[in-house]
């Protein structure tokens, strides 16, 4: 089961919580409202509108630079999402373990051949 939608909605919720906590800071309430709209549009799969709302939220935070506390809280939420949702660091660690155990990294040609074989399109 794919939890991407739930994970992304949770990210919205955590960012909204942070902005709500800091709502008395300049630009935070505007960013909060724009991010709420972005989440609604995301849940409704209106990606174009979601992107516009995200740009508005970022604009609010650029025009009114956040305090160090707000920056730290936003960074914390983004870092947790990054570590949990994005496979980059996990794949790098698996690759290091594979090589340490004697595994040979594949060349680009070998990777493409493997992909073609799995898709049933190899020559």
Protein backbone atom coordinates (compact mmCIF):
# COMPACT_ATOMS: atom_id res chain seq x y z
CA UNK A 1 0.00 0.00 0.00
CA UNK A 2 1.30 3.45 -0.92
CA UNK A 3 1.34 5.89 1.95
CA UNK A 4 2.67 8.83 -0.08
CA UNK A 5 -0.59 10.81 0.09
CA UNK A 6 -0.91 10.25 3.83
CA UNK A 7 2.75 11.15 4.39
CA UNK A 8 2.44 14.34 2.35
CA UNK A 9 -0.78 15.31 4.14
CA UNK A 10 0.99 14.72 7.46
CA UNK A 11 3.80 17.01 6.30
CA UNK A 12 1.24 19.71 5.56
CA UNK A 13 -0.27 19.20 9.03
CA UNK A 14 3.09 19.46 10.78
CA UNK A 15 4.05 22.61 8.85
CA UNK A 16 0.63 24.11 9.59
CA UNK A 17 1.13 23.36 13.28
CA UNK A 18 4.50 25.15 13.25
CA UNK A 19 3.07 28.19 11.46
CA UNK A 20 0.11 28.24 13.82
CA UNK A 21 2.47 28.19 16.80
CA UNK A 22 4.32 31.20 15.35
CA UNK A 23 1.24 32.98 13.99
CA UNK A 24 2.11 36.28 15.71
CA UNK A 25 5.25 36.67 13.60
CA UNK A 26 5.09 38.86 10.49
CA UNK A 27 4.08 36.81 7.45
CA UNK A 28 3.36 33.63 9.42
CA UNK A 29 -0.43 34.00 9.45
CA UNK A 30 -0.44 34.70 5.70
CA UNK A 31 1.80 31.69 5.06
CA UNK A 32 -0.47 29.63 7.33
CA UNK A 33 -3.56 30.53 5.31
CA UNK A 34 -1.81 29.87 2.00
CA UNK A 35 -0.50 26.52 3.25
CA UNK A 36 -3.99 25.53 4.43
CA UNK A 37 -5.26 26.24 0.92
CA UNK A 38 -2.36 24.24 -0.55
CA UNK A 39 -3.27 21.23 1.60
CA UNK A 40 -6.95 21.43 0.61
CA UNK A 41 -5.96 21.54 -3.03
CA UNK A 42 -3.52 18.65 -2.56
CA UNK A 43 -6.17 16.47 -0.93
CA UNK A 44 -8.57 17.33 -3.77
CA UNK A 45 -5.79 16.54 -6.31
CA UNK A 46 -5.82 20.07 -7.71
CA UNK A 47 -2.07 20.17 -8.17
CA UNK A 48 -1.96 23.42 -10.18
CA UNK A 49 -3.81 25.28 -7.44
CA UNK A 50 -1.71 23.58 -4.78
CA UNK A 51 1.47 24.79 -6.45
CA UNK A 52 0.15 28.36 -6.62
CA UNK A 53 -0.68 28.24 -2.92
CA UNK A 54 2.75 26.83 -2.05
CA UNK A 55 4.41 29.64 -3.99
CA UNK A 56 2.26 32.16 -2.12
CA UNK A 57 3.23 30.60 1.23
CA UNK A 58 6.92 30.70 0.31
CA UNK A 59 6.55 34.28 -0.90
CA UNK A 60 5.03 35.24 2.46
CA UNK A 61 8.04 33.76 4.25
CA UNK A 62 10.51 35.42 1.89
CA UNK A 63 8.92 38.86 2.13
CA UNK A 64 8.75 38.52 5.93
CA UNK A 65 11.84 36.46 6.85
CA UNK A 66 11.01 34.09 9.71
CA UNK A 67 12.61 34.36 13.12
CA UNK A 68 15.35 31.91 14.04
CA UNK A 69 12.85 29.94 16.14
CA UNK A 70 10.39 29.61 13.25
CA UNK A 71 13.20 28.72 10.84
CA UNK A 72 14.42 26.06 13.25
CA UNK A 73 10.95 24.57 13.70
CA UNK A 74 10.28 24.51 9.94
CA UNK A 75 13.71 22.97 9.31
CA UNK A 76 13.03 20.28 11.89
CA UNK A 77 9.78 19.26 10.21
CA UNK A 78 11.36 19.23 6.75
CA UNK A 79 14.39 17.24 7.98
CA UNK A 80 12.15 14.58 9.57
CA UNK A 81 10.13 14.28 6.35
CA UNK A 82 13.30 14.06 4.29
CA UNK A 83 14.81 11.30 6.41
CA UNK A 84 11.57 9.29 6.55
CA UNK A 85 10.20 9.69 3.05
CA UNK A 86 13.09 10.07 0.67
CA UNK A 87 15.20 6.99 -0.06
CA UNK A 88 18.44 8.77 -1.01
CA UNK A 89 20.35 8.40 2.26
CA UNK A 90 18.95 4.90 2.83
CA UNK A 91 19.97 3.78 -0.66
CA UNK A 92 23.45 5.24 -0.23
CA UNK A 93 23.90 3.29 3.00
CA UNK A 94 22.65 0.08 1.37
CA UNK A 95 25.05 0.66 -1.51
CA UNK A 96 27.99 1.06 0.90
CA UNK A 97 27.00 -2.13 2.72
CA UNK A 98 26.67 -4.01 -0.58
CA UNK A 99 30.12 -2.90 -1.72
CA UNK A 100 31.65 -3.67 1.69
CA UNK A 101 30.33 -7.23 1.45
CA UNK A 102 32.06 -7.70 -1.92
CA UNK A 103 29.21 -6.70 -4.22
CA UNK A 104 30.14 -5.08 -7.52
CA UNK A 105 28.42 -1.80 -8.51
CA UNK A 106 26.63 -2.08 -11.84
CA UNK A 107 27.58 0.05 -14.83
CA UNK A 108 24.94 2.22 -16.50
CA UNK A 109 24.71 -0.35 -19.31
CA UNK A 110 24.17 -3.18 -16.82
CA UNK A 111 21.45 -1.21 -15.04
CA UNK A 112 19.65 -0.51 -18.32
CA UNK A 113 19.94 -4.17 -19.31
CA UNK A 114 18.44 -5.22 -15.95
CA UNK A 115 15.57 -2.75 -16.37
CA UNK A 116 14.88 -3.99 -19.88
CA UNK A 117 14.90 -7.62 -18.71
CA UNK A 118 12.44 -6.86 -15.90
CA UNK A 119 10.16 -5.03 -18.31
CA UNK A 120 10.43 -7.88 -20.80
CA UNK A 121 11.91 -5.66 -23.47
CA UNK A 122 15.44 -7.03 -23.59
CA UNK A 123 16.86 -7.85 -26.99
